[in-house]
Amino acid sequence: MPLREGVNYSKSLRIITLFYITLVLFLIGLMILSFPLGLYIVFVSDLARNAVNTLGEQVVNFFRGLFMILWLVYLVLFIKAIQGPRLPLNKVPRLVLNHGLRSIFDNTLSTLAVTFSALFSIIFFIMLLQESAGIQTGSLPPLDPILMFVATSIAPIEEEIIFRVAIIGTISVILLFMKRAYLNPLKVLWHPARYVLEQGKKTDIKIIYLFVFISGILFGYAHIAFGAGWEIGKVTQAFLAGIILGLIYFFYGFPGAVLLHWSFNYFMDSFYYFEDLAYLTLFIYVIIFGLASILFLLIYFLKSNNKEKSN
């Protein structure tokens, strides 16, 4: 990857930049912490012992086995995300300080930390606004905490295959096939942008964006059509999340989309089921970091648009 031109930061701006990248890395650290927390909750915690007493050891062991498969898949995807797609995570801080905050977007995990925190905050404030107007979000029906944790851990893989890979990935394969770009379809489904941006045209990107929008609509609708307990307020939140998940899938591939979805489900739930105070602390941190990320994204896109206009 060619190096970008260096950025001459003032001392105060350099301190702000260093502080922001520290927030990014700290959230990634909490994500790493969620892996052992998840194992503790399912195998060791009081919740696990209560589940054995109420549901039986055989049932709980089945869900433990399922959880371990999911846990290993997420761990592999997480390690994959650390490595790229263009820049390994360990090189992000130095390049951010030397070449600007846009270097954050060269690594999947640093991108997800920014995107997740901003999206989480926006969805939270949308929920508050809607419920103040009487539009309820609803919630999933009560279930044993261990079963609920496992169930919500399934969703990132299951729903990303259905709503992102099957829709956005498939149209990417079709567009490339129509241009006689005979590529391995599995590679295209894994990371569409890597091939569409090389082989396609601007019209192809517009078509991709259309299907990102369609996948968002279907994702929002599915939450009230098939998600027991959710109400109409969930549609807006799921639609917005579906759009962002679709964009992340296209540009960062299957690991990016799954891990962004995983952040809302497994990551947040691992702290929720571990300890109320731990979850409250994480929640406040994500909201504060999310507000900073929204500001960062606004400044980033405004600067990007100004550069395009000047060119």
C-alpha atoms as a PDB file:
ATOM      1  CA  MET A   1       0.000   0.000   0.000  1.00  0.00           C
ATOM      2  CA  PRO A   2       1.503   3.343  -1.012  1.00  0.00           C
ATOM      3  CA  LEU A   3       2.058   5.743   1.847  1.00  0.00           C
ATOM      4  CA  ARG A   4      -0.081   8.836   1.970  1.00  0.00           C
ATOM      5  CA  GLU A   5       1.348  12.271   2.326  1.00  0.00           C
ATOM      6  CA  GLY A   6       2.210  13.155   5.899  1.00  0.00           C
ATOM      7  CA  VAL A   7      -0.097  15.344   7.942  1.00  0.00           C
ATOM      8  CA  ASN A   8       1.310  18.322   9.847  1.00  0.00           C
ATOM      9  CA  TYR A   9      -0.656  18.233  13.094  1.00  0.00           C
ATOM     10  CA  SER A  10      -0.602  21.038  15.610  1.00  0.00           C
ATOM     11  CA  LYS A  11       0.267  19.889  19.124  1.00  0.00           C
ATOM     12  CA  SER A  12      -3.354  20.141  20.313  1.00  0.00           C
ATOM     13  CA  LEU A  13      -4.699  18.302  17.266  1.00  0.00           C
ATOM     14  CA  ARG A  14      -2.084  15.591  17.672  1.00  0.00           C
ATOM     15  CA  ILE A  15      -3.188  15.104  21.294  1.00  0.00           C
ATOM     16  CA  ILE A  16      -6.848  14.852  20.189  1.00  0.00           C
ATOM     17  CA  THR A  17      -5.917  12.368  17.467  1.00  0.00           C
ATOM     18  CA  LEU A  18      -3.892  10.276  19.902  1.00  0.00           C
ATOM     19  CA  PHE A  19      -6.790  10.337  22.373  1.00  0.00           C
ATOM     20  CA  TYR A  20      -9.260   9.209  19.719  1.00  0.00           C
ATOM     21  CA  ILE A  21      -7.131   6.336  18.468  1.00  0.00           C
ATOM     22  CA  THR A  22      -6.691   5.299  22.120  1.00  0.00           C
ATOM     23  CA  LEU A  23     -10.493   5.131  22.412  1.00  0.00           C
ATOM     24  CA  VAL A  24     -10.571   2.940  19.300  1.00  0.00           C
ATOM     25  CA  LEU A  25      -7.925   0.554  20.628  1.00  0.00           C
ATOM     26  CA  PHE A  26      -9.533   0.411  24.082  1.00  0.00           C
ATOM     27  CA  LEU A  27     -12.853  -0.678  22.576  1.00  0.00           C
ATOM     28  CA  ILE A  28     -11.040  -3.352  20.569  1.00  0.00           C
ATOM     29  CA  GLY A  29      -9.421  -4.451  23.837  1.00  0.00           C
ATOM     30  CA  LEU A  30     -12.863  -4.809  25.412  1.00  0.00           C
ATOM     31  CA  MET A  31     -13.937  -6.874  22.410  1.00  0.00           C
ATOM     32  CA  ILE A  32     -10.989  -9.189  23.019  1.00  0.00           C
ATOM     33  CA  LEU A  33     -11.987  -9.418  26.695  1.00  0.00           C
ATOM     34  CA  SER A  34     -15.483 -10.527  25.658  1.00  0.00           C
ATOM     35  CA  PHE A  35     -14.112 -13.842  24.372  1.00  0.00           C
ATOM     36  CA  PRO A  36     -13.095 -15.232  27.800  1.00  0.00           C
ATOM     37  CA  LEU A  37     -16.164 -13.553  29.353  1.00  0.00           C
ATOM     38  CA  GLY A  38     -18.401 -15.547  27.015  1.00  0.00           C
ATOM     39  CA  LEU A  39     -16.758 -18.810  28.042  1.00  0.00           C
ATOM     40  CA  TYR A  40     -17.124 -17.900  31.711  1.00  0.00           C
ATOM     41  CA  ILE A  41     -20.832 -17.122  31.325  1.00  0.00           C
ATOM     42  CA  VAL A  42     -21.722 -20.323  29.476  1.00  0.00           C
ATOM     43  CA  PHE A  43     -19.510 -22.782  31.394  1.00  0.00           C
ATOM     44  CA  VAL A  44     -18.751 -21.416  34.877  1.00  0.00           C
ATOM     45  CA  SER A  45     -21.152 -18.669  35.979  1.00  0.00           C
ATOM     46  CA  ASP A  46     -24.151 -18.938  38.284  1.00  0.00           C
ATOM     47  CA  LEU A  47     -26.315 -18.507  35.178  1.00  0.00           C
ATOM     48  CA  ALA A  48     -24.768 -21.691  33.735  1.00  0.00           C
ATOM     49  CA  ARG A  49     -25.383 -23.638  36.945  1.00  0.00           C
ATOM     50  CA  ASN A  50     -28.983 -22.402  37.124  1.00  0.00           C
ATOM     51  CA  ALA A  51     -29.525 -23.426  33.507  1.00  0.00           C
ATOM     52  CA  VAL A  52     -28.341 -26.967  34.303  1.00  0.00           C
ATOM     53  CA  ASN A  53     -30.751 -27.152  37.249  1.00  0.00           C
ATOM     54  CA  THR A  54     -33.772 -25.869  35.299  1.00  0.00           C
ATOM     55  CA  LEU A  55     -33.175 -27.228  31.783  1.00  0.00           C
ATOM     56  CA  GLY A  56     -31.135 -30.340  32.457  1.00  0.00           C
ATOM     57  CA  GLU A  57     -27.482 -31.108  31.796  1.00  0.00           C
ATOM     58  CA  GLN A  58     -28.031 -32.675  28.360  1.00  0.00           C
ATOM     59  CA  VAL A  59     -29.868 -29.626  27.002  1.00  0.00           C
ATOM     60  CA  VAL A  60     -27.303 -27.216  28.394  1.00  0.00           C
ATOM     61  CA  ASN A  61     -24.405 -29.300  27.076  1.00  0.00           C
ATOM     62  CA  PHE A  62     -25.952 -29.239  23.596  1.00  0.00           C
ATOM     63  CA  PHE A  63     -26.115 -25.457  23.665  1.00  0.00           C
ATOM     64  CA  ARG A  64     -22.610 -25.299  25.113  1.00  0.00           C
ATOM     65  CA  GLY A  65     -21.330 -27.311  22.157  1.00  0.00           C
ATOM     66  CA  LEU A  66     -23.146 -25.019  19.729  1.00  0.00           C
ATOM     67  CA  PHE A  67     -21.756 -22.006  21.535  1.00  0.00           C
ATOM     68  CA  MET A  68     -18.188 -23.327  21.295  1.00  0.00           C
ATOM     69  CA  ILE A  69     -18.519 -23.723  17.517  1.00  0.00           C
ATOM     70  CA  LEU A  70     -19.796 -20.148  17.203  1.00  0.00           C
ATOM     71  CA  TRP A  71     -17.109 -18.883  19.595  1.00  0.00           C
ATOM     72  CA  LEU A  72     -14.336 -20.464  17.519  1.00  0.00           C
ATOM     73  CA  VAL A  73     -15.776 -19.084  14.267  1.00  0.00           C
ATOM     74  CA  TYR A  74     -15.888 -15.571  15.725  1.00  0.00           C
ATOM     75  CA  LEU A  75     -12.357 -15.937  17.062  1.00  0.00           C
ATOM     76  CA  VAL A  76     -11.079 -16.910  13.596  1.00  0.00           C
ATOM     77  CA  LEU A  77     -12.933 -14.007  11.970  1.00  0.00           C
ATOM     78  CA  PHE A  78     -11.612 -11.643  14.641  1.00  0.00           C
ATOM     79  CA  ILE A  79      -8.016 -12.721  13.989  1.00  0.00           C
ATOM     80  CA  LYS A  80      -8.638 -12.337  10.254  1.00  0.00           C
ATOM     81  CA  ALA A  81      -9.954  -8.809  10.841  1.00  0.00           C
ATOM     82  CA  ILE A  82      -6.822  -7.902  12.822  1.00  0.00           C
ATOM     83  CA  GLN A  83      -4.714  -8.630   9.741  1.00  0.00           C
ATOM     84  CA  GLY A  84      -6.358  -6.346   7.163  1.00  0.00           C
ATOM     85  CA  PRO A  85      -7.796  -5.907   4.636  1.00  0.00           C
ATOM     86  CA  ARG A  86      -5.091  -3.376   3.724  1.00  0.00           C
ATOM     87  CA  LEU A  87      -3.296  -2.705   6.992  1.00  0.00           C
ATOM     88  CA  PRO A  88      -2.648  -4.846  10.100  1.00  0.00           C
ATOM     89  CA  LEU A  89      -4.050  -3.366  13.288  1.00  0.00           C
ATOM     90  CA  ASN A  90      -0.642  -2.821  14.922  1.00  0.00           C
ATOM     91  CA  LYS A  91       0.330  -0.353  12.164  1.00  0.00           C
ATOM     92  CA  VAL A  92      -2.833   1.758  12.420  1.00  0.00           C
ATOM     93  CA  PRO A  93      -1.824   4.053  15.346  1.00  0.00           C
ATOM     94  CA  ARG A  94       1.459   5.163  13.758  1.00  0.00           C
ATOM     95  CA  LEU A  95      -0.103   5.779  10.360  1.00  0.00           C
ATOM     96  CA  VAL A  96      -3.016   7.654  11.928  1.00  0.00           C
ATOM     97  CA  LEU A  97      -0.591  10.009  13.673  1.00  0.00           C
ATOM     98  CA  ASN A  98       1.588  10.435  10.578  1.00  0.00           C
ATOM     99  CA  HIS A  99      -0.929  10.348   7.743  1.00  0.00           C
ATOM    100  CA  GLY A 100      -4.323  11.239   9.227  1.00  0.00           C
ATOM    101  CA  LEU A 101      -7.367   9.583  10.726  1.00  0.00           C
ATOM    102  CA  ARG A 102      -8.415   8.094   7.395  1.00  0.00           C
ATOM    103  CA  SER A 103      -5.838   5.337   8.028  1.00  0.00           C
ATOM    104  CA  ILE A 104      -8.341   3.944  10.561  1.00  0.00           C
ATOM    105  CA  PHE A 105     -10.353   2.664   7.594  1.00  0.00           C
ATOM    106  CA  ASP A 106      -7.453   0.524   6.344  1.00  0.00           C
ATOM    107  CA  ASN A 107      -8.072  -2.095   9.022  1.00  0.00           C
ATOM    108  CA  THR A 108     -11.316  -3.981   9.573  1.00  0.00           C
ATOM    109  CA  LEU A 109     -11.307  -3.897  13.380  1.00  0.00           C
ATOM    110  CA  SER A 110     -10.454  -0.212  13.721  1.00  0.00           C
ATOM    111  CA  THR A 111     -13.168   0.539  11.146  1.00  0.00           C
ATOM    112  CA  LEU A 112     -15.659  -1.581  13.090  1.00  0.00           C
ATOM    113  CA  ALA A 113     -14.822   0.122  16.381  1.00  0.00           C
ATOM    114  CA  VAL A 114     -15.652   3.509  14.853  1.00  0.00           C
ATOM    115  CA  THR A 115     -18.693   2.248  12.944  1.00  0.00           C
ATOM    116  CA  PHE A 116     -20.138   0.204  15.805  1.00  0.00           C
ATOM    117  CA  SER A 117     -19.846   2.980  18.385  1.00  0.00           C
ATOM    118  CA  ALA A 118     -21.399   5.564  16.043  1.00  0.00           C
ATOM    119  CA  LEU A 119     -24.189   3.234  14.887  1.00  0.00           C
ATOM    120  CA  PHE A 120     -24.936   2.047  18.435  1.00  0.00           C
ATOM    121  CA  SER A 121     -25.305   5.661  19.607  1.00  0.00           C
ATOM    122  CA  ILE A 122     -27.497   6.668  16.662  1.00  0.00           C
ATOM    123  CA  ILE A 123     -29.778   3.654  17.135  1.00  0.00           C
ATOM    124  CA  PHE A 124     -30.024   4.354  20.867  1.00  0.00           C
ATOM    125  CA  PHE A 125     -31.091   7.969  20.292  1.00  0.00           C
ATOM    126  CA  ILE A 126     -33.527   6.897  17.556  1.00  0.00           C
ATOM    127  CA  MET A 127     -35.090   4.507  20.071  1.00  0.00           C
ATOM    128  CA  LEU A 128     -35.400   7.276  22.676  1.00  0.00           C
ATOM    129  CA  LEU A 129     -36.949   9.634  20.117  1.00  0.00           C
ATOM    130  CA  GLN A 130     -39.407   7.046  18.829  1.00  0.00           C
ATOM    131  CA  GLU A 131     -40.492   5.874  22.265  1.00  0.00           C
ATOM    132  CA  SER A 132     -41.011   9.475  23.393  1.00  0.00           C
ATOM    133  CA  ALA A 133     -43.454   9.705  20.461  1.00  0.00           C
ATOM    134  CA  GLY A 134     -45.174   6.467  21.519  1.00  0.00           C
ATOM    135  CA  ILE A 135     -43.492   4.244  18.907  1.00  0.00           C
ATOM    136  CA  GLN A 136     -42.366   1.174  20.837  1.00  0.00           C
ATOM    137  CA  THR A 137     -39.345  -0.951  19.977  1.00  0.00           C
ATOM    138  CA  GLY A 138     -40.395  -4.074  21.826  1.00  0.00           C
ATOM    139  CA  SER A 139     -38.033  -6.813  22.961  1.00  0.00           C
ATOM    140  CA  LEU A 140     -37.357 -10.503  22.550  1.00  0.00           C
ATOM    141  CA  PRO A 141     -39.523 -12.814  24.690  1.00  0.00           C
ATOM    142  CA  PRO A 142     -38.030 -13.944  28.039  1.00  0.00           C
ATOM    143  CA  LEU A 143     -35.783 -16.962  27.829  1.00  0.00           C
ATOM    144  CA  ASP A 144     -33.193 -18.640  30.019  1.00  0.00           C
ATOM    145  CA  PRO A 145     -30.144 -16.289  29.946  1.00  0.00           C
ATOM    146  CA  ILE A 146     -27.780 -18.979  28.660  1.00  0.00           C
ATOM    147  CA  LEU A 147     -30.154 -19.967  25.867  1.00  0.00           C
ATOM    148  CA  MET A 148     -30.721 -16.295  25.027  1.00  0.00           C
ATOM    149  CA  PHE A 149     -26.977 -15.634  24.908  1.00  0.00           C
ATOM    150  CA  VAL A 150     -26.437 -18.580  22.567  1.00  0.00           C
ATOM    151  CA  ALA A 151     -29.444 -17.609  20.419  1.00  0.00           C
ATOM    152  CA  THR A 152     -28.271 -14.018  19.962  1.00  0.00           C
ATOM    153  CA  SER A 153     -24.782 -15.337  19.186  1.00  0.00           C
ATOM    154  CA  ILE A 154     -26.178 -17.344  16.257  1.00  0.00           C
ATOM    155  CA  ALA A 155     -27.797 -14.314  14.605  1.00  0.00           C
ATOM    156  CA  PRO A 156     -24.663 -12.551  13.269  1.00  0.00           C
ATOM    157  CA  ILE A 157     -23.658 -15.506  11.084  1.00  0.00           C
ATOM    158  CA  GLU A 158     -27.174 -16.617  10.155  1.00  0.00           C
ATOM    159  CA  GLU A 159     -28.532 -13.166   9.286  1.00  0.00           C
ATOM    160  CA  GLU A 160     -25.415 -11.949   7.472  1.00  0.00           C
ATOM    161  CA  ILE A 161     -25.584 -14.986   5.184  1.00  0.00           C
ATOM    162  CA  ILE A 162     -29.291 -14.398   4.509  1.00  0.00           C
ATOM    163  CA  PHE A 163     -29.390 -10.615   4.178  1.00  0.00           C
ATOM    164  CA  ARG A 164     -25.911  -9.686   2.986  1.00  0.00           C
ATOM    165  CA  VAL A 165     -24.228 -12.637   1.278  1.00  0.00           C
ATOM    166  CA  ALA A 166     -27.363 -13.972  -0.412  1.00  0.00           C
ATOM    167  CA  ILE A 167     -28.436 -10.526  -1.660  1.00  0.00           C
ATOM    168  CA  ILE A 168     -25.404  -8.242  -2.068  1.00  0.00           C
ATOM    169  CA  GLY A 169     -22.904 -11.040  -2.631  1.00  0.00           C
ATOM    170  CA  THR A 170     -25.071 -12.779  -5.204  1.00  0.00           C
ATOM    171  CA  ILE A 171     -25.670  -9.610  -7.253  1.00  0.00           C
ATOM    172  CA  SER A 172     -21.903  -8.972  -7.153  1.00  0.00           C
ATOM    173  CA  VAL A 173     -21.259 -12.441  -8.627  1.00  0.00           C
ATOM    174  CA  ILE A 174     -23.922 -11.876 -11.296  1.00  0.00           C
ATOM    175  CA  LEU A 175     -22.499  -8.473 -12.301  1.00  0.00           C
ATOM    176  CA  LEU A 176     -19.012  -9.922 -12.676  1.00  0.00           C
ATOM    177  CA  PHE A 177     -20.319 -12.954 -14.573  1.00  0.00           C
ATOM    178  CA  MET A 178     -22.144 -10.650 -17.023  1.00  0.00           C
ATOM    179  CA  LYS A 179     -18.791  -8.959 -17.731  1.00  0.00           C
ATOM    180  CA  ARG A 180     -17.240 -12.376 -18.307  1.00  0.00           C
ATOM    181  CA  ALA A 181     -14.975 -11.899 -15.333  1.00  0.00           C
ATOM    182  CA  TYR A 182     -14.689 -15.572 -14.503  1.00  0.00           C
ATOM    183  CA  LEU A 183     -13.703 -15.466 -10.867  1.00  0.00           C
ATOM    184  CA  ASN A 184     -14.193 -17.905  -8.047  1.00  0.00           C
ATOM    185  CA  PRO A 185     -17.707 -17.004  -6.827  1.00  0.00           C
ATOM    186  CA  LEU A 186     -16.840 -17.989  -3.258  1.00  0.00           C
ATOM    187  CA  LYS A 187     -14.051 -15.388  -3.222  1.00  0.00           C
ATOM    188  CA  VAL A 188     -16.477 -12.756  -4.502  1.00  0.00           C
ATOM    189  CA  LEU A 189     -19.024 -13.699  -1.836  1.00  0.00           C
ATOM    190  CA  TRP A 190     -16.296 -13.475   0.805  1.00  0.00           C
ATOM    191  CA  HIS A 191     -15.221  -9.928  -0.174  1.00  0.00           C
ATOM    192  CA  PRO A 192     -17.249  -8.412  -3.054  1.00  0.00           C
ATOM    193  CA  ALA A 193     -15.547  -5.005  -3.323  1.00  0.00           C
ATOM    194  CA  ARG A 194     -12.126  -6.557  -3.910  1.00  0.00           C
ATOM    195  CA  TYR A 195     -13.366  -7.844  -7.280  1.00  0.00           C
ATOM    196  CA  VAL A 196     -16.236  -5.520  -8.218  1.00  0.00           C
ATOM    197  CA  LEU A 197     -14.090  -2.390  -7.832  1.00  0.00           C
ATOM    198  CA  GLU A 198     -11.383  -3.937 -10.029  1.00  0.00           C
ATOM    199  CA  GLN A 199     -13.583  -5.455 -12.740  1.00  0.00           C
ATOM    200  CA  GLY A 200     -16.756  -3.371 -12.639  1.00  0.00           C
ATOM    201  CA  LYS A 201     -17.873   0.112 -13.622  1.00  0.00           C
ATOM    202  CA  LYS A 202     -19.576   3.005 -11.830  1.00  0.00           C
ATOM    203  CA  THR A 203     -22.968   1.627 -12.860  1.00  0.00           C
ATOM    204  CA  ASP A 204     -22.137  -1.608 -11.050  1.00  0.00           C
ATOM    205  CA  ILE A 205     -21.459   0.298  -7.825  1.00  0.00           C
ATOM    206  CA  LYS A 206     -24.825   2.046  -8.157  1.00  0.00           C
ATOM    207  CA  ILE A 207     -26.505  -1.340  -8.563  1.00  0.00           C
ATOM    208  CA  ILE A 208     -24.657  -2.619  -5.484  1.00  0.00           C
ATOM    209  CA  TYR A 209     -25.853   0.383  -3.483  1.00  0.00           C
ATOM    210  CA  LEU A 210     -29.428  -0.315  -4.620  1.00  0.00           C
ATOM    211  CA  PHE A 211     -29.180  -3.876  -3.321  1.00  0.00           C
ATOM    212  CA  VAL A 212     -27.610  -2.635  -0.080  1.00  0.00           C
ATOM    213  CA  PHE A 213     -30.743  -0.499   0.315  1.00  0.00           C
ATOM    214  CA  ILE A 214     -33.000  -3.456  -0.527  1.00  0.00           C
ATOM    215  CA  SER A 215     -31.201  -5.694   1.974  1.00  0.00           C
ATOM    216  CA  GLY A 216     -31.690  -2.983   4.616  1.00  0.00           C
ATOM    217  CA  ILE A 217     -35.430  -2.847   3.923  1.00  0.00           C
ATOM    218  CA  LEU A 218     -35.756  -6.628   4.120  1.00  0.00           C
ATOM    219  CA  PHE A 219     -33.647  -6.727   7.282  1.00  0.00           C
ATOM    220  CA  GLY A 220     -35.883  -4.140   8.936  1.00  0.00           C
ATOM    221  CA  TYR A 221     -39.098  -5.875   7.845  1.00  0.00           C
ATOM    222  CA  ALA A 222     -37.865  -9.304   8.992  1.00  0.00           C
ATOM    223  CA  HIS A 223     -37.580  -8.094  12.566  1.00  0.00           C
ATOM    224  CA  ILE A 224     -41.329  -7.579  12.873  1.00  0.00           C
ATOM    225  CA  ALA A 225     -42.387 -10.313  10.438  1.00  0.00           C
ATOM    226  CA  PHE A 226     -40.324 -13.093  12.020  1.00  0.00           C
ATOM    227  CA  GLY A 227     -38.814 -11.628  15.206  1.00  0.00           C
ATOM    228  CA  ALA A 228     -41.205 -12.439  18.037  1.00  0.00           C
ATOM    229  CA  GLY A 229     -41.513  -9.592  20.506  1.00  0.00           C
ATOM    230  CA  TRP A 230     -40.262  -6.752  18.288  1.00  0.00           C
ATOM    231  CA  GLU A 231     -42.603  -3.886  17.464  1.00  0.00           C
ATOM    232  CA  ILE A 232     -42.733  -1.300  14.674  1.00  0.00           C
ATOM    233  CA  GLY A 233     -40.045   0.892  16.248  1.00  0.00           C
ATOM    234  CA  LYS A 234     -37.495  -1.852  15.637  1.00  0.00           C
ATOM    235  CA  VAL A 235     -37.912  -1.532  11.867  1.00  0.00           C
ATOM    236  CA  THR A 236     -36.242   1.886  11.693  1.00  0.00           C
ATOM    237  CA  GLN A 237     -33.295   0.756  13.777  1.00  0.00           C
ATOM    238  CA  ALA A 238     -32.850  -2.537  11.922  1.00  0.00           C
ATOM    239  CA  PHE A 239     -33.184  -0.794   8.535  1.00  0.00           C
ATOM    240  CA  LEU A 240     -30.384   1.653   9.393  1.00  0.00           C
ATOM    241  CA  ALA A 241     -28.220  -1.152  10.798  1.00  0.00           C
ATOM    242  CA  GLY A 242     -28.933  -3.217   7.684  1.00  0.00           C
ATOM    243  CA  ILE A 243     -27.690  -0.424   5.403  1.00  0.00           C
ATOM    244  CA  ILE A 244     -24.437  -0.052   7.350  1.00  0.00           C
ATOM    245  CA  LEU A 245     -23.958  -3.825   7.574  1.00  0.00           C
ATOM    246  CA  GLY A 246     -24.437  -4.038   3.813  1.00  0.00           C
ATOM    247  CA  LEU A 247     -21.799  -1.388   3.151  1.00  0.00           C
ATOM    248  CA  ILE A 248     -19.371  -3.015   5.576  1.00  0.00           C
ATOM    249  CA  TYR A 249     -19.973  -6.397   3.918  1.00  0.00           C
ATOM    250  CA  PHE A 250     -19.296  -5.010   0.450  1.00  0.00           C
ATOM    251  CA  PHE A 251     -16.150  -3.055   1.348  1.00  0.00           C
ATOM    252  CA  TYR A 252     -14.712  -5.225   4.159  1.00  0.00           C
ATOM    253  CA  GLY A 253     -16.122  -8.633   3.336  1.00  0.00           C
ATOM    254  CA  PHE A 254     -17.945 -11.299   5.294  1.00  0.00           C
ATOM    255  CA  PRO A 255     -15.743 -11.021   8.435  1.00  0.00           C
ATOM    256  CA  GLY A 256     -16.453  -7.286   8.679  1.00  0.00           C
ATOM    257  CA  ALA A 257     -20.235  -7.659   8.440  1.00  0.00           C
ATOM    258  CA  VAL A 258     -20.387 -10.604  10.841  1.00  0.00           C
ATOM    259  CA  LEU A 259     -18.172  -8.892  13.428  1.00  0.00           C
ATOM    260  CA  LEU A 260     -20.136  -5.643  13.263  1.00  0.00           C
ATOM    261  CA  HIS A 261     -23.323  -7.642  13.895  1.00  0.00           C
ATOM    262  CA  TRP A 262     -21.441  -9.656  16.557  1.00  0.00           C
ATOM    263  CA  SER A 263     -20.602  -6.382  18.324  1.00  0.00           C
ATOM    264  CA  PHE A 264     -24.304  -5.666  18.927  1.00  0.00           C
ATOM    265  CA  ASN A 265     -25.093  -9.225  19.986  1.00  0.00           C
ATOM    266  CA  TYR A 266     -22.302 -11.307  21.506  1.00  0.00           C
ATOM    267  CA  PHE A 267     -19.974  -8.466  22.527  1.00  0.00           C
ATOM    268  CA  MET A 268     -22.557  -6.355  24.359  1.00  0.00           C
ATOM    269  CA  ASP A 269     -24.367  -9.395  25.776  1.00  0.00           C
ATOM    270  CA  SER A 270     -21.160 -10.877  27.205  1.00  0.00           C
ATOM    271  CA  PHE A 271     -20.876  -7.870  29.536  1.00  0.00           C
ATOM    272  CA  TYR A 272     -24.645  -7.782  30.153  1.00  0.00           C
ATOM    273  CA  TYR A 273     -24.763 -11.396  31.392  1.00  0.00           C
ATOM    274  CA  PHE A 274     -21.458 -11.103  33.222  1.00  0.00           C
ATOM    275  CA  GLU A 275     -22.296  -8.164  35.531  1.00  0.00           C
ATOM    276  CA  ASP A 276     -24.820  -5.304  35.498  1.00  0.00           C
ATOM    277  CA  LEU A 277     -22.196  -2.734  36.481  1.00  0.00           C
ATOM    278  CA  ALA A 278     -19.802  -3.966  33.784  1.00  0.00           C
ATOM    279  CA  TYR A 279     -22.537  -3.618  31.170  1.00  0.00           C
ATOM    280  CA  LEU A 280     -23.556  -0.145  32.366  1.00  0.00           C
ATOM    281  CA  THR A 281     -19.930   1.014  32.240  1.00  0.00           C
ATOM    282  CA  LEU A 282     -19.508  -0.425  28.733  1.00  0.00           C
ATOM    283  CA  PHE A 283     -22.794   1.110  27.601  1.00  0.00           C
ATOM    284  CA  ILE A 284     -21.784   4.594  28.776  1.00  0.00           C
ATOM    285  CA  TYR A 285     -18.333   4.204  27.195  1.00  0.00           C
ATOM    286  CA  VAL A 286     -19.773   3.134  23.828  1.00  0.00           C
ATOM    287  CA  ILE A 287     -22.238   6.051  23.823  1.00  0.00           C
ATOM    288  CA  ILE A 288     -19.533   8.626  24.640  1.00  0.00           C
ATOM    289  CA  PHE A 289     -17.111   7.092  22.149  1.00  0.00           C
ATOM    290  CA  GLY A 290     -19.963   6.863  19.643  1.00  0.00           C
ATOM    291  CA  LEU A 291     -20.645  10.599  19.841  1.00  0.00           C
ATOM    292  CA  ALA A 292     -16.945  11.242  19.196  1.00  0.00           C
ATOM    293  CA  SER A 293     -17.070   8.797  16.273  1.00  0.00           C
ATOM    294  CA  ILE A 294     -20.112  10.532  14.757  1.00  0.00           C
ATOM    295  CA  LEU A 295     -18.197  13.818  14.867  1.00  0.00           C
ATOM    296  CA  PHE A 296     -15.126  12.138  13.364  1.00  0.00           C
ATOM    297  CA  LEU A 297     -17.162  10.575  10.548  1.00  0.00           C
ATOM    298  CA  LEU A 298     -18.871  13.884   9.745  1.00  0.00           C
ATOM    299  CA  ILE A 299     -15.527  15.704   9.542  1.00  0.00           C
ATOM    300  CA  TYR A 300     -14.014  12.865   7.503  1.00  0.00           C
ATOM    301  CA  PHE A 301     -16.788  12.779   4.903  1.00  0.00           C
ATOM    302  CA  LEU A 302     -16.968  16.573   4.652  1.00  0.00           C
ATOM    303  CA  LYS A 303     -13.236  16.710   3.976  1.00  0.00           C
ATOM    304  CA  SER A 304     -13.519  13.860   1.447  1.00  0.00           C
ATOM    305  CA  ASN A 305     -16.306  15.684  -0.428  1.00  0.00           C
ATOM    306  CA  ASN A 306     -14.323  18.931  -0.461  1.00  0.00           C
ATOM    307  CA  LYS A 307     -11.294  17.124  -1.932  1.00  0.00           C
ATOM    308  CA  GLU A 308     -13.434  15.531  -4.644  1.00  0.00           C
ATOM    309  CA  LYS A 309     -14.942  18.917  -5.583  1.00  0.00           C
ATOM    310  CA  SER A 310     -11.514  20.596  -5.692  1.00  0.00           C
ATOM    311  CA  ASN A 311     -10.249  17.857  -7.998  1.00  0.00           C
END
